[in-house]
């Protein structure tokens, strides 16, 4: 579920300046991004600061390159970043990350959640830019990936927290996640990269997680890390890969599932559950409308939108809960 929002700043990406791609927010400011009805083609959408940030839906297909940071790049966050139904496609851009996140040093929380997303066609190479589907660029309290498909010519989930720089990760949960290797300059690449020898370890929970392999390149030795043969490295039993000497619960299965198809995310994405705002107000984004529900002992609705767009309100039901 998305984080609870308090009086959020609402940013409609259909209405921002044509060259706008970076936003700065206060430490206690909650934010909702409304996705464009057409693909976002800037090299990135970046936030600096903010408490709870929500982005639901939208297709992000950068058409030019100015930075290797994530096309979606959430930095110095103070609360939780939640993205859902997002489609990032790097078919038309060079080597760069798909999504990046880190929290502000000293923040009491700092969580990232990705749900129902497809991150695809990420490019990179061992000798050049190490493009990743997702990489934390600083410390994270908790990472959660739920129903996510990632495809890459190089790396997918680069989750080693760069301990040499003093960064850390609290916990990671991966459920219904798959990472697939596309043809590229490097036959061997890390689709799941968790930790390096001698660095602090963190607990991971796997449930329905999948990885591909290539002819002559078994996944346990070439596409997951710590790989087979390393201290506390991967151990394969049939199609299941586990790390019995690490604090990892569950296993990764060799194969593909097709969890999130392009038509199941991106533009027109609709969710079935509410995003909770202050005083119990919540909204569900449909294909062409926002449906609001409120539970409150105070003023129930204050509906507003910036700009000149007309607002149509219908199907209001008021009920006194006593």
C-alpha atoms as a PDB file:
ATOM      1  CA  UNK A   1       0.000   0.000   0.000  1.00  0.00           C
ATOM      2  CA  UNK A   2       1.115   3.579  -0.601  1.00  0.00           C
ATOM      3  CA  UNK A   3       2.122   5.668   2.419  1.00  0.00           C
ATOM      4  CA  UNK A   4      -0.427   7.859   4.160  1.00  0.00           C
ATOM      5  CA  UNK A   5      -0.208  11.402   2.810  1.00  0.00           C
ATOM      6  CA  UNK A   6      -0.822  14.648   4.680  1.00  0.00           C
ATOM      7  CA  UNK A   7      -2.104  17.578   2.585  1.00  0.00           C
ATOM      8  CA  UNK A   8       0.028  16.527  -0.381  1.00  0.00           C
ATOM      9  CA  UNK A   9       1.392  18.793  -3.068  1.00  0.00           C
ATOM     10  CA  UNK A  10      -0.135  17.590  -6.348  1.00  0.00           C
ATOM     11  CA  UNK A  11       1.978  17.904  -9.490  1.00  0.00           C
ATOM     12  CA  UNK A  12       0.271  17.176 -12.807  1.00  0.00           C
ATOM     13  CA  UNK A  13       3.036  16.234 -15.234  1.00  0.00           C
ATOM     14  CA  UNK A  14       0.744  17.192 -18.119  1.00  0.00           C
ATOM     15  CA  UNK A  15       0.949  20.828 -17.007  1.00  0.00           C
ATOM     16  CA  UNK A  16       4.552  21.416 -15.975  1.00  0.00           C
ATOM     17  CA  UNK A  17       6.963  23.537 -18.018  1.00  0.00           C
ATOM     18  CA  UNK A  18       8.357  21.740 -21.037  1.00  0.00           C
ATOM     19  CA  UNK A  19      11.904  21.712 -19.619  1.00  0.00           C
ATOM     20  CA  UNK A  20      10.951  20.893 -16.014  1.00  0.00           C
ATOM     21  CA  UNK A  21      12.456  17.649 -14.743  1.00  0.00           C
ATOM     22  CA  UNK A  22      13.820  18.309 -11.213  1.00  0.00           C
ATOM     23  CA  UNK A  23      11.779  19.204  -8.122  1.00  0.00           C
ATOM     24  CA  UNK A  24      12.905  20.142  -4.595  1.00  0.00           C
ATOM     25  CA  UNK A  25      10.600  19.593  -1.624  1.00  0.00           C
ATOM     26  CA  UNK A  26      10.662  20.260   2.125  1.00  0.00           C
ATOM     27  CA  UNK A  27      11.487  17.521   4.617  1.00  0.00           C
ATOM     28  CA  UNK A  28       7.840  17.193   5.757  1.00  0.00           C
ATOM     29  CA  UNK A  29       6.213  17.770   2.366  1.00  0.00           C
ATOM     30  CA  UNK A  30       4.140  14.959   0.868  1.00  0.00           C
ATOM     31  CA  UNK A  31       3.824  14.803  -2.914  1.00  0.00           C
ATOM     32  CA  UNK A  32       1.615  13.121  -5.516  1.00  0.00           C
ATOM     33  CA  UNK A  33       2.728  13.104  -9.151  1.00  0.00           C
ATOM     34  CA  UNK A  34      -0.076  12.716 -11.692  1.00  0.00           C
ATOM     35  CA  UNK A  35       1.373  10.977 -14.766  1.00  0.00           C
ATOM     36  CA  UNK A  36       1.409  12.364 -18.289  1.00  0.00           C
ATOM     37  CA  UNK A  37      -1.162  11.101 -20.758  1.00  0.00           C
ATOM     38  CA  UNK A  38       1.725  10.768 -23.246  1.00  0.00           C
ATOM     39  CA  UNK A  39       5.222   9.332 -22.704  1.00  0.00           C
ATOM     40  CA  UNK A  40       7.693  11.335 -20.608  1.00  0.00           C
ATOM     41  CA  UNK A  41      10.760  11.752 -22.824  1.00  0.00           C
ATOM     42  CA  UNK A  42      13.149  13.771 -20.627  1.00  0.00           C
ATOM     43  CA  UNK A  43      16.296  12.001 -19.463  1.00  0.00           C
ATOM     44  CA  UNK A  44      14.931  11.953 -15.921  1.00  0.00           C
ATOM     45  CA  UNK A  45      12.292  12.913 -13.385  1.00  0.00           C
ATOM     46  CA  UNK A  46      14.197  13.747 -10.197  1.00  0.00           C
ATOM     47  CA  UNK A  47      13.115  14.716  -6.706  1.00  0.00           C
ATOM     48  CA  UNK A  48      15.271  16.197  -3.967  1.00  0.00           C
ATOM     49  CA  UNK A  49      13.881  15.958  -0.451  1.00  0.00           C
ATOM     50  CA  UNK A  50      10.225  15.374   0.320  1.00  0.00           C
ATOM     51  CA  UNK A  51       8.644  13.063   2.852  1.00  0.00           C
ATOM     52  CA  UNK A  52       6.160  10.644   1.262  1.00  0.00           C
ATOM     53  CA  UNK A  53       6.158  10.707  -2.555  1.00  0.00           C
ATOM     54  CA  UNK A  54       3.677   8.793  -4.717  1.00  0.00           C
ATOM     55  CA  UNK A  55       3.793   8.199  -8.483  1.00  0.00           C
ATOM     56  CA  UNK A  56       1.128   5.920  -9.943  1.00  0.00           C
ATOM     57  CA  UNK A  57       1.143   5.160 -13.656  1.00  0.00           C
ATOM     58  CA  UNK A  58       2.971   6.764 -16.539  1.00  0.00           C
ATOM     59  CA  UNK A  59       5.408   5.740 -19.258  1.00  0.00           C
ATOM     60  CA  UNK A  60       8.979   7.039 -19.157  1.00  0.00           C
ATOM     61  CA  UNK A  61      10.968   6.684 -22.374  1.00  0.00           C
ATOM     62  CA  UNK A  62      13.969   9.058 -22.336  1.00  0.00           C
ATOM     63  CA  UNK A  63      15.014  10.219 -25.792  1.00  0.00           C
ATOM     64  CA  UNK A  64      18.286  11.924 -24.890  1.00  0.00           C
ATOM     65  CA  UNK A  65      21.148  11.423 -22.464  1.00  0.00           C
ATOM     66  CA  UNK A  66      22.612  13.980 -20.079  1.00  0.00           C
ATOM     67  CA  UNK A  67      23.223  11.896 -16.950  1.00  0.00           C
ATOM     68  CA  UNK A  68      23.671   8.240 -16.009  1.00  0.00           C
ATOM     69  CA  UNK A  69      21.369   8.642 -12.972  1.00  0.00           C
ATOM     70  CA  UNK A  70      17.974   6.962 -12.975  1.00  0.00           C
ATOM     71  CA  UNK A  71      15.238   8.039 -15.337  1.00  0.00           C
ATOM     72  CA  UNK A  72      13.225   8.088 -12.116  1.00  0.00           C
ATOM     73  CA  UNK A  73      15.619   9.401  -9.474  1.00  0.00           C
ATOM     74  CA  UNK A  74      14.448  10.030  -5.901  1.00  0.00           C
ATOM     75  CA  UNK A  75      17.116  11.615  -3.734  1.00  0.00           C
ATOM     76  CA  UNK A  76      17.518  12.797  -0.122  1.00  0.00           C
ATOM     77  CA  UNK A  77      14.070  11.477   0.783  1.00  0.00           C
ATOM     78  CA  UNK A  78      12.748  11.691   4.361  1.00  0.00           C
ATOM     79  CA  UNK A  79       9.908   9.175   4.256  1.00  0.00           C
ATOM     80  CA  UNK A  80       8.650   6.672   1.672  1.00  0.00           C
ATOM     81  CA  UNK A  81       8.757   6.776  -2.102  1.00  0.00           C
ATOM     82  CA  UNK A  82       6.047   4.634  -3.684  1.00  0.00           C
ATOM     83  CA  UNK A  83       5.827   3.982  -7.425  1.00  0.00           C
ATOM     84  CA  UNK A  84       3.175   1.769  -8.982  1.00  0.00           C
ATOM     85  CA  UNK A  85       2.083   0.893 -12.486  1.00  0.00           C
ATOM     86  CA  UNK A  86       5.103   2.648 -13.979  1.00  0.00           C
ATOM     87  CA  UNK A  87       6.696   1.635 -17.291  1.00  0.00           C
ATOM     88  CA  UNK A  88      10.325   2.672 -17.891  1.00  0.00           C
ATOM     89  CA  UNK A  89      11.695   1.800 -21.337  1.00  0.00           C
ATOM     90  CA  UNK A  90      15.292   2.629 -22.314  1.00  0.00           C
ATOM     91  CA  UNK A  91      15.114   1.342 -25.890  1.00  0.00           C
ATOM     92  CA  UNK A  92      15.884   4.841 -27.196  1.00  0.00           C
ATOM     93  CA  UNK A  93      18.642   5.994 -24.850  1.00  0.00           C
ATOM     94  CA  UNK A  94      22.215   5.058 -23.903  1.00  0.00           C
ATOM     95  CA  UNK A  95      23.589   3.423 -20.776  1.00  0.00           C
ATOM     96  CA  UNK A  96      21.922   4.716 -17.606  1.00  0.00           C
ATOM     97  CA  UNK A  97      19.941   3.501 -14.624  1.00  0.00           C
ATOM     98  CA  UNK A  98      16.213   2.964 -14.782  1.00  0.00           C
ATOM     99  CA  UNK A  99      15.332   3.915 -11.184  1.00  0.00           C
ATOM    100  CA  UNK A 100      17.434   5.253  -8.307  1.00  0.00           C
ATOM    101  CA  UNK A 101      16.714   6.099  -4.670  1.00  0.00           C
ATOM    102  CA  UNK A 102      18.355   7.108  -1.399  1.00  0.00           C
ATOM    103  CA  UNK A 103      17.222   8.775   1.800  1.00  0.00           C
ATOM    104  CA  UNK A 104      18.612  11.844   3.499  1.00  0.00           C
ATOM    105  CA  UNK A 105      21.402  10.967   5.958  1.00  0.00           C
ATOM    106  CA  UNK A 106      19.963  10.913   9.460  1.00  0.00           C
ATOM    107  CA  UNK A 107      16.348  10.622   8.309  1.00  0.00           C
ATOM    108  CA  UNK A 108      14.224   8.587  10.732  1.00  0.00           C
ATOM    109  CA  UNK A 109      12.804   6.635   7.797  1.00  0.00           C
ATOM    110  CA  UNK A 110      13.614   6.211   4.152  1.00  0.00           C
ATOM    111  CA  UNK A 111      11.787   3.494   2.282  1.00  0.00           C
ATOM    112  CA  UNK A 112      11.294   2.656  -1.371  1.00  0.00           C
ATOM    113  CA  UNK A 113       8.436   0.535  -2.748  1.00  0.00           C
ATOM    114  CA  UNK A 114       7.946  -0.520  -6.381  1.00  0.00           C
ATOM    115  CA  UNK A 115       4.761  -2.341  -7.354  1.00  0.00           C
ATOM    116  CA  UNK A 116       3.254  -3.503 -10.661  1.00  0.00           C
ATOM    117  CA  UNK A 117       6.095  -1.972 -12.687  1.00  0.00           C
ATOM    118  CA  UNK A 118       8.047  -2.869 -15.803  1.00  0.00           C
ATOM    119  CA  UNK A 119      11.624  -1.606 -16.212  1.00  0.00           C
ATOM    120  CA  UNK A 120      13.006  -2.728 -19.570  1.00  0.00           C
ATOM    121  CA  UNK A 121      15.741  -2.432 -22.181  1.00  0.00           C
ATOM    122  CA  UNK A 122      18.334  -1.097 -19.729  1.00  0.00           C
ATOM    123  CA  UNK A 123      21.761  -0.768 -21.357  1.00  0.00           C
ATOM    124  CA  UNK A 124      25.251  -0.952 -19.897  1.00  0.00           C
ATOM    125  CA  UNK A 125      28.537  -2.801 -19.971  1.00  0.00           C
ATOM    126  CA  UNK A 126      31.389  -3.872 -17.733  1.00  0.00           C
ATOM    127  CA  UNK A 127      33.839  -1.608 -19.580  1.00  0.00           C
ATOM    128  CA  UNK A 128      31.473   1.377 -19.697  1.00  0.00           C
ATOM    129  CA  UNK A 129      28.525   2.669 -17.693  1.00  0.00           C
ATOM    130  CA  UNK A 130      27.010   0.040 -15.431  1.00  0.00           C
ATOM    131  CA  UNK A 131      23.361   0.651 -16.265  1.00  0.00           C
ATOM    132  CA  UNK A 132      20.980  -0.959 -13.749  1.00  0.00           C
ATOM    133  CA  UNK A 133      17.219  -1.392 -13.640  1.00  0.00           C
ATOM    134  CA  UNK A 134      17.364  -0.254 -10.009  1.00  0.00           C
ATOM    135  CA  UNK A 135      20.213   0.895  -7.802  1.00  0.00           C
ATOM    136  CA  UNK A 136      20.253   2.692  -4.447  1.00  0.00           C
ATOM    137  CA  UNK A 137      22.703   5.570  -4.624  1.00  0.00           C
ATOM    138  CA  UNK A 138      22.835   5.931  -0.847  1.00  0.00           C
ATOM    139  CA  UNK A 139      21.347   4.408   2.293  1.00  0.00           C
ATOM    140  CA  UNK A 140      17.867   2.869   2.393  1.00  0.00           C
ATOM    141  CA  UNK A 141      15.873   1.713   5.402  1.00  0.00           C
ATOM    142  CA  UNK A 142      13.686  -0.779   3.547  1.00  0.00           C
ATOM    143  CA  UNK A 143      13.302  -1.800  -0.098  1.00  0.00           C
ATOM    144  CA  UNK A 144      10.190  -3.528  -1.415  1.00  0.00           C
ATOM    145  CA  UNK A 145       9.601  -4.901  -4.934  1.00  0.00           C
ATOM    146  CA  UNK A 146       6.185  -6.416  -5.655  1.00  0.00           C
ATOM    147  CA  UNK A 147       5.112  -7.709  -9.081  1.00  0.00           C
ATOM    148  CA  UNK A 148       8.001  -6.285 -11.099  1.00  0.00           C
ATOM    149  CA  UNK A 149       9.473  -7.294 -14.457  1.00  0.00           C
ATOM    150  CA  UNK A 150      12.979  -6.098 -15.359  1.00  0.00           C
ATOM    151  CA  UNK A 151      14.921  -6.690 -18.584  1.00  0.00           C
ATOM    152  CA  UNK A 152      18.458  -5.519 -19.180  1.00  0.00           C
ATOM    153  CA  UNK A 153      21.461  -5.798 -21.470  1.00  0.00           C
ATOM    154  CA  UNK A 154      23.682  -5.601 -18.374  1.00  0.00           C
ATOM    155  CA  UNK A 155      22.475  -5.447 -14.751  1.00  0.00           C
ATOM    156  CA  UNK A 156      19.042  -5.443 -13.138  1.00  0.00           C
ATOM    157  CA  UNK A 157      18.850  -5.158  -9.334  1.00  0.00           C
ATOM    158  CA  UNK A 158      22.169  -3.727  -8.149  1.00  0.00           C
ATOM    159  CA  UNK A 159      21.426  -3.752  -4.419  1.00  0.00           C
ATOM    160  CA  UNK A 160      24.886  -3.696  -2.854  1.00  0.00           C
ATOM    161  CA  UNK A 161      24.654  -0.555  -0.687  1.00  0.00           C
ATOM    162  CA  UNK A 162      28.162   0.743  -1.433  1.00  0.00           C
ATOM    163  CA  UNK A 163      29.334   0.115   2.105  1.00  0.00           C
ATOM    164  CA  UNK A 164      32.741   1.608   1.354  1.00  0.00           C
ATOM    165  CA  UNK A 165      30.986   4.985   1.252  1.00  0.00           C
ATOM    166  CA  UNK A 166      29.209   4.367   4.548  1.00  0.00           C
ATOM    167  CA  UNK A 167      25.833   3.459   3.016  1.00  0.00           C
ATOM    168  CA  UNK A 168      23.555   0.697   4.295  1.00  0.00           C
ATOM    169  CA  UNK A 169      20.287  -1.137   3.639  1.00  0.00           C
ATOM    170  CA  UNK A 170      17.878  -2.262   6.349  1.00  0.00           C
ATOM    171  CA  UNK A 171      15.796  -4.978   4.680  1.00  0.00           C
ATOM    172  CA  UNK A 172      14.752  -6.069   1.191  1.00  0.00           C
ATOM    173  CA  UNK A 173      11.518  -7.826   0.198  1.00  0.00           C
ATOM    174  CA  UNK A 174      11.057  -9.213  -3.311  1.00  0.00           C
ATOM    175  CA  UNK A 175       7.749 -10.831  -4.277  1.00  0.00           C
ATOM    176  CA  UNK A 176       6.712 -11.772  -7.834  1.00  0.00           C
ATOM    177  CA  UNK A 177       9.884 -10.309  -9.303  1.00  0.00           C
ATOM    178  CA  UNK A 178      11.738 -11.410 -12.440  1.00  0.00           C
ATOM    179  CA  UNK A 179      14.951 -10.235 -14.074  1.00  0.00           C
ATOM    180  CA  UNK A 180      15.864 -11.257 -17.621  1.00  0.00           C
ATOM    181  CA  UNK A 181      19.154 -10.822 -19.476  1.00  0.00           C
ATOM    182  CA  UNK A 182      18.953  -9.379 -22.993  1.00  0.00           C
ATOM    183  CA  UNK A 183      21.727  -9.857 -25.589  1.00  0.00           C
ATOM    184  CA  UNK A 184      24.580  -7.416 -24.994  1.00  0.00           C
ATOM    185  CA  UNK A 185      28.352  -6.944 -25.014  1.00  0.00           C
ATOM    186  CA  UNK A 186      28.762  -8.849 -21.736  1.00  0.00           C
ATOM    187  CA  UNK A 187      27.482 -12.427 -21.669  1.00  0.00           C
ATOM    188  CA  UNK A 188      27.932 -12.533 -17.891  1.00  0.00           C
ATOM    189  CA  UNK A 189      26.217  -9.854 -15.826  1.00  0.00           C
ATOM    190  CA  UNK A 190      24.570  -9.588 -12.454  1.00  0.00           C
ATOM    191  CA  UNK A 191      20.801  -9.579 -12.539  1.00  0.00           C
ATOM    192  CA  UNK A 192      20.695  -9.723  -8.737  1.00  0.00           C
ATOM    193  CA  UNK A 193      23.711  -8.284  -6.912  1.00  0.00           C
ATOM    194  CA  UNK A 194      23.265  -8.254  -3.156  1.00  0.00           C
ATOM    195  CA  UNK A 195      26.484  -7.888  -1.189  1.00  0.00           C
ATOM    196  CA  UNK A 196      30.247  -8.168  -1.441  1.00  0.00           C
ATOM    197  CA  UNK A 197      32.603 -10.238   0.737  1.00  0.00           C
ATOM    198  CA  UNK A 198      33.487  -8.485   3.960  1.00  0.00           C
ATOM    199  CA  UNK A 199      30.696  -5.918   3.810  1.00  0.00           C
ATOM    200  CA  UNK A 200      27.701  -5.753   6.178  1.00  0.00           C
ATOM    201  CA  UNK A 201      24.854  -8.078   5.252  1.00  0.00           C
ATOM    202  CA  UNK A 202      21.112  -7.431   5.467  1.00  0.00           C
ATOM    203  CA  UNK A 203      18.042  -9.696   5.478  1.00  0.00           C
ATOM    204  CA  UNK A 204      16.242 -10.434   2.210  1.00  0.00           C
ATOM    205  CA  UNK A 205      12.917 -12.206   1.672  1.00  0.00           C
ATOM    206  CA  UNK A 206      12.244 -13.895  -1.687  1.00  0.00           C
ATOM    207  CA  UNK A 207       8.818 -15.106  -2.843  1.00  0.00           C
ATOM    208  CA  UNK A 208       8.200 -16.043  -6.497  1.00  0.00           C
ATOM    209  CA  UNK A 209      11.462 -14.483  -7.703  1.00  0.00           C
ATOM    210  CA  UNK A 210      12.948 -15.504 -11.059  1.00  0.00           C
ATOM    211  CA  UNK A 211      16.209 -15.111 -12.975  1.00  0.00           C
ATOM    212  CA  UNK A 212      17.214 -16.140 -16.495  1.00  0.00           C
ATOM    213  CA  UNK A 213      20.398 -17.889 -17.578  1.00  0.00           C
ATOM    214  CA  UNK A 214      22.163 -18.458 -20.908  1.00  0.00           C
ATOM    215  CA  UNK A 215      23.563 -21.537 -22.679  1.00  0.00           C
ATOM    216  CA  UNK A 216      26.808 -22.475 -20.978  1.00  0.00           C
ATOM    217  CA  UNK A 217      26.303 -19.780 -18.328  1.00  0.00           C
ATOM    218  CA  UNK A 218      24.367 -21.167 -15.349  1.00  0.00           C
ATOM    219  CA  UNK A 219      22.614 -18.508 -13.335  1.00  0.00           C
ATOM    220  CA  UNK A 220      24.173 -19.403  -9.977  1.00  0.00           C
ATOM    221  CA  UNK A 221      27.646 -18.605 -11.324  1.00  0.00           C
ATOM    222  CA  UNK A 222      26.971 -15.822 -13.821  1.00  0.00           C
ATOM    223  CA  UNK A 223      23.821 -13.872 -13.029  1.00  0.00           C
ATOM    224  CA  UNK A 224      23.442 -13.728  -9.221  1.00  0.00           C
ATOM    225  CA  UNK A 225      25.888 -12.409  -6.630  1.00  0.00           C
ATOM    226  CA  UNK A 226      27.349 -13.611  -4.296  1.00  0.00           C
ATOM    227  CA  UNK A 227      27.827 -16.295  -6.927  1.00  0.00           C
ATOM    228  CA  UNK A 228      28.527 -19.989  -6.516  1.00  0.00           C
ATOM    229  CA  UNK A 229      31.976 -20.777  -5.082  1.00  0.00           C
ATOM    230  CA  UNK A 230      32.316 -17.547  -3.094  1.00  0.00           C
ATOM    231  CA  UNK A 231      32.198 -17.505   0.716  1.00  0.00           C
ATOM    232  CA  UNK A 232      28.496 -17.736   1.634  1.00  0.00           C
ATOM    233  CA  UNK A 233      27.774 -17.808  -2.094  1.00  0.00           C
ATOM    234  CA  UNK A 234      24.878 -19.172  -4.105  1.00  0.00           C
ATOM    235  CA  UNK A 235      23.870 -22.845  -3.881  1.00  0.00           C
ATOM    236  CA  UNK A 236      21.711 -24.394  -6.606  1.00  0.00           C
ATOM    237  CA  UNK A 237      19.314 -27.304  -6.176  1.00  0.00           C
ATOM    238  CA  UNK A 238      17.447 -28.066  -9.381  1.00  0.00           C
ATOM    239  CA  UNK A 239      16.134 -24.721 -10.618  1.00  0.00           C
ATOM    240  CA  UNK A 240      16.265 -23.104  -7.185  1.00  0.00           C
ATOM    241  CA  UNK A 241      19.116 -20.849  -6.071  1.00  0.00           C
ATOM    242  CA  UNK A 242      19.522 -20.023  -2.384  1.00  0.00           C
ATOM    243  CA  UNK A 243      22.108 -18.598   0.011  1.00  0.00           C
ATOM    244  CA  UNK A 244      21.928 -20.830   3.099  1.00  0.00           C
ATOM    245  CA  UNK A 245      24.779 -18.978   4.850  1.00  0.00           C
ATOM    246  CA  UNK A 246      23.188 -15.557   4.338  1.00  0.00           C
ATOM    247  CA  UNK A 247      20.160 -14.096   6.179  1.00  0.00           C
ATOM    248  CA  UNK A 248      18.033 -14.683   3.083  1.00  0.00           C
ATOM    249  CA  UNK A 249      14.588 -16.251   3.381  1.00  0.00           C
ATOM    250  CA  UNK A 250      13.444 -18.167   0.304  1.00  0.00           C
ATOM    251  CA  UNK A 251      15.103 -18.720  -3.032  1.00  0.00           C
ATOM    252  CA  UNK A 252      15.324 -17.505  -6.632  1.00  0.00           C
ATOM    253  CA  UNK A 253      14.040 -19.785  -9.404  1.00  0.00           C
ATOM    254  CA  UNK A 254      15.672 -20.054 -12.805  1.00  0.00           C
ATOM    255  CA  UNK A 255      13.137 -19.124 -15.474  1.00  0.00           C
ATOM    256  CA  UNK A 256      10.713 -16.413 -16.576  1.00  0.00           C
ATOM    257  CA  UNK A 257       7.089 -15.685 -15.710  1.00  0.00           C
ATOM    258  CA  UNK A 258       6.016 -12.532 -17.557  1.00  0.00           C
ATOM    259  CA  UNK A 259       4.648 -10.885 -14.433  1.00  0.00           C
ATOM    260  CA  UNK A 260       4.124  -7.370 -15.845  1.00  0.00           C
ATOM    261  CA  UNK A 261       3.445  -6.914 -19.554  1.00  0.00           C
ATOM    262  CA  UNK A 262       3.688  -3.484 -21.235  1.00  0.00           C
ATOM    263  CA  UNK A 263      -0.085  -3.189 -21.551  1.00  0.00           C
ATOM    264  CA  UNK A 264      -0.496  -3.786 -17.813  1.00  0.00           C
ATOM    265  CA  UNK A 265       1.307  -0.616 -16.741  1.00  0.00           C
ATOM    266  CA  UNK A 266       2.241   2.836 -17.990  1.00  0.00           C
ATOM    267  CA  UNK A 267      -0.252   5.188 -19.639  1.00  0.00           C
ATOM    268  CA  UNK A 268      -3.848   4.533 -18.581  1.00  0.00           C
ATOM    269  CA  UNK A 269      -2.833   2.403 -15.589  1.00  0.00           C
ATOM    270  CA  UNK A 270      -5.628   2.155 -13.036  1.00  0.00           C
ATOM    271  CA  UNK A 271      -5.370   0.837  -9.506  1.00  0.00           C
ATOM    272  CA  UNK A 272      -8.067  -0.825  -7.433  1.00  0.00           C
ATOM    273  CA  UNK A 273      -7.066   0.326  -3.966  1.00  0.00           C
ATOM    274  CA  UNK A 274      -7.055   3.822  -2.477  1.00  0.00           C
ATOM    275  CA  UNK A 275      -4.207   6.155  -1.664  1.00  0.00           C
ATOM    276  CA  UNK A 276      -4.941   7.518   1.808  1.00  0.00           C
ATOM    277  CA  UNK A 277      -4.673  11.260   2.373  1.00  0.00           C
ATOM    278  CA  UNK A 278      -5.309  13.442   5.429  1.00  0.00           C
ATOM    279  CA  UNK A 279      -8.510  12.923   7.429  1.00  0.00           C
ATOM    280  CA  UNK A 280      -9.005   9.585   5.748  1.00  0.00           C
ATOM    281  CA  UNK A 281      -9.473  11.028   2.264  1.00  0.00           C
ATOM    282  CA  UNK A 282      -8.281   8.655  -0.412  1.00  0.00           C
ATOM    283  CA  UNK A 283      -8.281   8.452  -4.183  1.00  0.00           C
ATOM    284  CA  UNK A 284      -8.214   5.759  -6.818  1.00  0.00           C
ATOM    285  CA  UNK A 285      -6.950   6.721 -10.265  1.00  0.00           C
ATOM    286  CA  UNK A 286      -9.121   5.334 -13.007  1.00  0.00           C
ATOM    287  CA  UNK A 287      -8.405   5.640 -16.697  1.00  0.00           C
ATOM    288  CA  UNK A 288     -10.108   9.031 -16.973  1.00  0.00           C
ATOM    289  CA  UNK A 289     -11.114  10.025 -13.455  1.00  0.00           C
ATOM    290  CA  UNK A 290     -10.191  10.174  -9.812  1.00  0.00           C
ATOM    291  CA  UNK A 291     -12.603   8.565  -7.402  1.00  0.00           C
ATOM    292  CA  UNK A 292     -12.509   9.905  -3.852  1.00  0.00           C
ATOM    293  CA  UNK A 293     -13.545   8.249  -0.612  1.00  0.00           C
ATOM    294  CA  UNK A 294     -13.403   9.811   2.832  1.00  0.00           C
ATOM    295  CA  UNK A 295     -13.880   8.678   6.395  1.00  0.00           C
ATOM    296  CA  UNK A 296     -13.748  11.601   8.787  1.00  0.00           C
ATOM    297  CA  UNK A 297     -15.454  13.233  11.756  1.00  0.00           C
ATOM    298  CA  UNK A 298     -14.534  16.639  10.315  1.00  0.00           C
ATOM    299  CA  UNK A 299     -14.940  18.313   6.920  1.00  0.00           C
ATOM    300  CA  UNK A 300     -15.214  15.470   4.471  1.00  0.00           C
ATOM    301  CA  UNK A 301     -14.127  16.885   1.115  1.00  0.00           C
ATOM    302  CA  UNK A 302     -12.176  19.839  -0.138  1.00  0.00           C
ATOM    303  CA  UNK A 303     -11.795  19.178  -3.863  1.00  0.00           C
ATOM    304  CA  UNK A 304      -9.554  21.449  -5.888  1.00  0.00           C
ATOM    305  CA  UNK A 305      -7.348  21.460  -8.939  1.00  0.00           C
ATOM    306  CA  UNK A 306      -4.904  24.045 -10.126  1.00  0.00           C
ATOM    307  CA  UNK A 307      -5.071  25.523 -13.603  1.00  0.00           C
ATOM    308  CA  UNK A 308      -8.117  25.961 -15.804  1.00  0.00           C
ATOM    309  CA  UNK A 309      -9.261  22.343 -16.060  1.00  0.00           C
ATOM    310  CA  UNK A 310     -12.934  21.892 -15.277  1.00  0.00           C
ATOM    311  CA  UNK A 311     -13.843  19.491 -12.505  1.00  0.00           C
ATOM    312  CA  UNK A 312     -16.920  17.279 -12.735  1.00  0.00           C
ATOM    313  CA  UNK A 313     -18.239  15.863  -9.484  1.00  0.00           C
ATOM    314  CA  UNK A 314     -20.839  13.115  -9.576  1.00  0.00           C
ATOM    315  CA  UNK A 315     -22.121  10.080  -7.711  1.00  0.00           C
ATOM    316  CA  UNK A 316     -21.756  11.607  -4.247  1.00  0.00           C
ATOM    317  CA  UNK A 317     -23.015   9.445  -1.409  1.00  0.00           C
ATOM    318  CA  UNK A 318     -23.003  10.862   2.131  1.00  0.00           C
ATOM    319  CA  UNK A 319     -23.404   8.592   5.071  1.00  0.00           C
ATOM    320  CA  UNK A 320     -23.443   9.483   8.744  1.00  0.00           C
ATOM    321  CA  UNK A 321     -21.488   6.862  10.539  1.00  0.00           C
ATOM    322  CA  UNK A 322     -22.788   7.969  13.917  1.00  0.00           C
END
